[in-house]
Structures are given as C-alpha cells and as structure tokens.
Amino acid sequence: MIELDRIGVIKSGEDVGYQIKVSKNTMGKGYYLFMSDDFSDENGNIADHHFESLRDVEDSFKDAKWEVEWL
C-alpha cells in the first residue's frame, strides 16, 4: 500500500536503497513521486515525477517491482 506524505525506502525492485515520498499535488491535480538517495541531505539530489492519478503511481510501483518499507 502506498502511504502519502511519508518517506519510504525501496527494499526490492529497481533503485534499491533509494528513498521515496508520494504527495498529492496541492496546486493542481495529480500526485508527485519524489525520489532521493537521502532526503535528510540538504545537498542531495531529488528527482520528481508527476502522475495524473494515484492509480498511475500504483502502476509505476508495479512496473518497478518496488517493495517499500515506510518509515
């Protein structure tokens, strides 16, 4: 299950070890998926992806075969 506005660590699938966070777009519609090697690192890189629906986010998780541990 995808948990909104919580940081999770990818435990299996593509990008193992990366941290992710899924948030609802408050300025429009859709969802953002943020990805970083470490969100606590102020100088770290953060990538973001926009999705039209939560279903699209779920499909992305399935495609990447992600198992996530939510912190």
N, C-alpha and C. Protein backbone atom coordinates (compact mmCIF):
# COMPACT_ATOMS: atom_id res chain seq x y z
N MET A 1 0.83 -1.18 0.00
CA MET A 1 0.00 0.00 0.00
C MET A 1 0.88 1.25 0.00
N ILE A 2 0.53 2.21 -0.82
CA ILE A 2 1.27 3.46 -0.90
C ILE A 2 0.78 4.39 0.21
N GLU A 3 1.72 4.93 0.95
CA GLU A 3 1.38 5.85 2.02
C GLU A 3 1.78 7.26 1.59
N LEU A 4 0.82 8.16 1.61
CA LEU A 4 1.08 9.54 1.18
C LEU A 4 1.82 10.32 2.25
N ASP A 5 2.71 11.17 1.79
CA ASP A 5 3.45 12.11 2.64
C ASP A 5 4.32 11.44 3.71
N ARG A 6 4.74 10.21 3.44
CA ARG A 6 5.68 9.51 4.30
C ARG A 6 6.87 9.09 3.47
N ILE A 7 8.02 9.09 4.08
CA ILE A 7 9.22 8.63 3.40
C ILE A 7 9.28 7.11 3.51
N GLY A 8 9.64 6.50 2.39
CA GLY A 8 9.82 5.07 2.36
C GLY A 8 11.16 4.73 1.73
N VAL A 9 11.67 3.56 2.05
CA VAL A 9 12.93 3.08 1.48
C VAL A 9 12.60 1.90 0.58
N ILE A 10 13.11 1.93 -0.65
CA ILE A 10 12.89 0.85 -1.59
C ILE A 10 13.74 -0.34 -1.17
N LYS A 11 13.07 -1.46 -0.85
CA LYS A 11 13.75 -2.66 -0.36
C LYS A 11 14.01 -3.68 -1.45
N SER A 12 13.20 -3.68 -2.51
CA SER A 12 13.44 -4.59 -3.62
C SER A 12 12.85 -4.01 -4.89
N GLY A 13 13.33 -4.51 -6.02
CA GLY A 13 12.95 -3.98 -7.32
C GLY A 13 14.02 -3.02 -7.82
N GLU A 14 13.65 -2.16 -8.72
CA GLU A 14 14.59 -1.16 -9.24
C GLU A 14 14.92 -0.12 -8.15
N ASP A 15 16.11 0.42 -8.21
CA ASP A 15 16.52 1.53 -7.34
C ASP A 15 16.55 1.18 -5.85
N VAL A 16 16.94 -0.05 -5.52
CA VAL A 16 17.02 -0.47 -4.12
C VAL A 16 17.87 0.51 -3.32
N GLY A 17 17.39 0.87 -2.15
CA GLY A 17 18.13 1.76 -1.25
C GLY A 17 17.70 3.21 -1.35
N TYR A 18 17.06 3.59 -2.44
CA TYR A 18 16.61 4.98 -2.58
C TYR A 18 15.40 5.24 -1.69
N GLN A 19 15.26 6.48 -1.30
CA GLN A 19 14.11 6.91 -0.52
C GLN A 19 13.09 7.54 -1.47
N ILE A 20 11.81 7.34 -1.16
CA ILE A 20 10.75 7.92 -1.98
C ILE A 20 9.70 8.57 -1.07
N LYS A 21 8.94 9.45 -1.67
CA LYS A 21 7.81 10.08 -0.98
C LYS A 21 6.77 10.40 -2.04
N VAL A 22 5.51 10.06 -1.77
CA VAL A 22 4.42 10.34 -2.69
C VAL A 22 3.51 11.38 -2.03
N SER A 23 3.22 12.46 -2.76
CA SER A 23 2.38 13.54 -2.23
C SER A 23 1.35 13.95 -3.26
N LYS A 24 0.19 14.35 -2.76
CA LYS A 24 -0.86 14.89 -3.63
C LYS A 24 -0.45 16.29 -4.05
N ASN A 25 -0.68 16.62 -5.30
CA ASN A 25 -0.38 17.95 -5.81
C ASN A 25 -1.40 18.92 -5.24
N THR A 26 -0.98 19.82 -4.38
CA THR A 26 -1.90 20.75 -3.73
C THR A 26 -2.23 21.95 -4.61
N MET A 27 -1.48 22.17 -5.67
CA MET A 27 -1.71 23.32 -6.55
C MET A 27 -2.47 22.94 -7.82
N GLY A 28 -2.79 21.70 -7.96
CA GLY A 28 -3.48 21.23 -9.15
C GLY A 28 -4.01 19.85 -8.89
N LYS A 29 -3.99 19.04 -9.92
CA LYS A 29 -4.44 17.67 -9.69
C LYS A 29 -3.31 16.70 -9.97
N GLY A 30 -3.45 15.52 -9.43
CA GLY A 30 -2.43 14.52 -9.62
C GLY A 30 -1.58 14.32 -8.38
N TYR A 31 -0.47 13.60 -8.57
CA TYR A 31 0.41 13.23 -7.48
C TYR A 31 1.86 13.41 -7.93
N TYR A 32 2.73 13.67 -6.96
CA TYR A 32 4.16 13.73 -7.21
C TYR A 32 4.82 12.57 -6.49
N LEU A 33 5.80 11.97 -7.15
CA LEU A 33 6.65 10.98 -6.54
C LEU A 33 8.04 11.60 -6.48
N PHE A 34 8.54 11.79 -5.28
CA PHE A 34 9.87 12.33 -5.07
C PHE A 34 10.80 11.18 -4.74
N MET A 35 12.03 11.27 -5.24
CA MET A 35 13.00 10.19 -5.06
C MET A 35 14.36 10.80 -4.74
N SER A 36 15.04 10.24 -3.74
CA SER A 36 16.35 10.75 -3.35
C SER A 36 17.17 9.61 -2.75
N ASP A 37 18.48 9.77 -2.79
CA ASP A 37 19.30 8.79 -2.08
C ASP A 37 19.23 9.04 -0.58
N ASP A 38 18.93 10.29 -0.16
CA ASP A 38 18.78 10.61 1.26
C ASP A 38 18.10 11.97 1.40
N PHE A 39 16.85 11.99 1.79
CA PHE A 39 16.12 13.25 1.93
C PHE A 39 16.70 14.16 3.02
N SER A 40 17.41 13.59 3.99
CA SER A 40 17.97 14.42 5.06
C SER A 40 19.22 15.19 4.64
N ASP A 41 19.78 14.85 3.47
CA ASP A 41 20.96 15.54 2.96
C ASP A 41 20.52 16.80 2.21
N GLU A 42 20.83 17.96 2.78
CA GLU A 42 20.42 19.24 2.18
C GLU A 42 20.98 19.43 0.77
N ASN A 43 22.13 18.84 0.50
CA ASN A 43 22.78 19.00 -0.80
C ASN A 43 22.51 17.82 -1.74
N GLY A 44 21.66 16.90 -1.30
CA GLY A 44 21.37 15.71 -2.10
C GLY A 44 20.47 16.04 -3.29
N ASN A 45 20.49 15.18 -4.25
CA ASN A 45 19.64 15.34 -5.43
C ASN A 45 18.28 14.73 -5.17
N ILE A 46 17.25 15.44 -5.61
CA ILE A 46 15.88 14.94 -5.51
C ILE A 46 15.27 14.99 -6.90
N ALA A 47 14.78 13.84 -7.34
CA ALA A 47 14.07 13.77 -8.62
C ALA A 47 12.58 13.73 -8.33
N ASP A 48 11.79 14.29 -9.23
CA ASP A 48 10.35 14.20 -9.04
C ASP A 48 9.67 13.81 -10.34
N HIS A 49 8.57 13.11 -10.18
CA HIS A 49 7.78 12.65 -11.31
C HIS A 49 6.32 12.99 -11.02
N HIS A 50 5.59 13.47 -12.01
CA HIS A 50 4.19 13.81 -11.83
C HIS A 50 3.32 12.73 -12.45
N PHE A 51 2.27 12.37 -11.75
CA PHE A 51 1.31 11.38 -12.22
C PHE A 51 -0.09 11.97 -12.15
N GLU A 52 -0.93 11.62 -13.10
CA GLU A 52 -2.29 12.15 -13.16
C GLU A 52 -3.20 11.59 -12.07
N SER A 53 -2.93 10.35 -11.65
CA SER A 53 -3.82 9.73 -10.67
C SER A 53 -3.00 8.82 -9.75
N LEU A 54 -3.62 8.46 -8.63
CA LEU A 54 -2.96 7.52 -7.72
C LEU A 54 -2.81 6.16 -8.38
N ARG A 55 -3.74 5.82 -9.24
CA ARG A 55 -3.65 4.55 -9.99
C ARG A 55 -2.37 4.53 -10.84
N ASP A 56 -2.04 5.66 -11.46
CA ASP A 56 -0.81 5.76 -12.24
C ASP A 56 0.43 5.56 -11.36
N VAL A 57 0.39 6.09 -10.14
CA VAL A 57 1.50 5.89 -9.20
C VAL A 57 1.61 4.41 -8.85
N GLU A 58 0.48 3.79 -8.57
CA GLU A 58 0.46 2.36 -8.24
C GLU A 58 1.02 1.52 -9.38
N ASP A 59 0.64 1.87 -10.61
CA ASP A 59 1.16 1.16 -11.78
C ASP A 59 2.67 1.30 -11.89
N SER A 60 3.18 2.49 -11.57
CA SER A 60 4.62 2.72 -11.60
C SER A 60 5.34 1.85 -10.57
N PHE A 61 4.75 1.71 -9.37
CA PHE A 61 5.31 0.84 -8.34
C PHE A 61 5.37 -0.60 -8.85
N LYS A 62 4.29 -1.04 -9.49
CA LYS A 62 4.24 -2.42 -10.01
C LYS A 62 5.28 -2.63 -11.10
N ASP A 63 5.39 -1.67 -12.01
CA ASP A 63 6.36 -1.78 -13.11
C ASP A 63 7.79 -1.88 -12.59
N ALA A 64 8.09 -1.11 -11.55
CA ALA A 64 9.45 -1.11 -10.97
C ALA A 64 9.65 -2.26 -9.99
N LYS A 65 8.57 -2.99 -9.70
CA LYS A 65 8.61 -4.12 -8.75
C LYS A 65 9.09 -3.68 -7.37
N TRP A 66 8.59 -2.52 -6.94
CA TRP A 66 9.03 -1.95 -5.68
C TRP A 66 8.33 -2.59 -4.49
N GLU A 67 9.14 -2.95 -3.52
CA GLU A 67 8.67 -3.27 -2.18
C GLU A 67 9.26 -2.17 -1.31
N VAL A 68 8.40 -1.46 -0.61
CA VAL A 68 8.82 -0.27 0.13
C VAL A 68 8.57 -0.45 1.62
N GLU A 69 9.55 -0.07 2.40
CA GLU A 69 9.38 -0.01 3.86
C GLU A 69 9.12 1.46 4.21
N TRP A 70 7.92 1.73 4.72
CA TRP A 70 7.56 3.11 5.08
C TRP A 70 8.09 3.44 6.46
N LEU A 71 8.73 4.59 6.58
CA LEU A 71 9.35 4.99 7.85
C LEU A 71 8.42 5.85 8.68
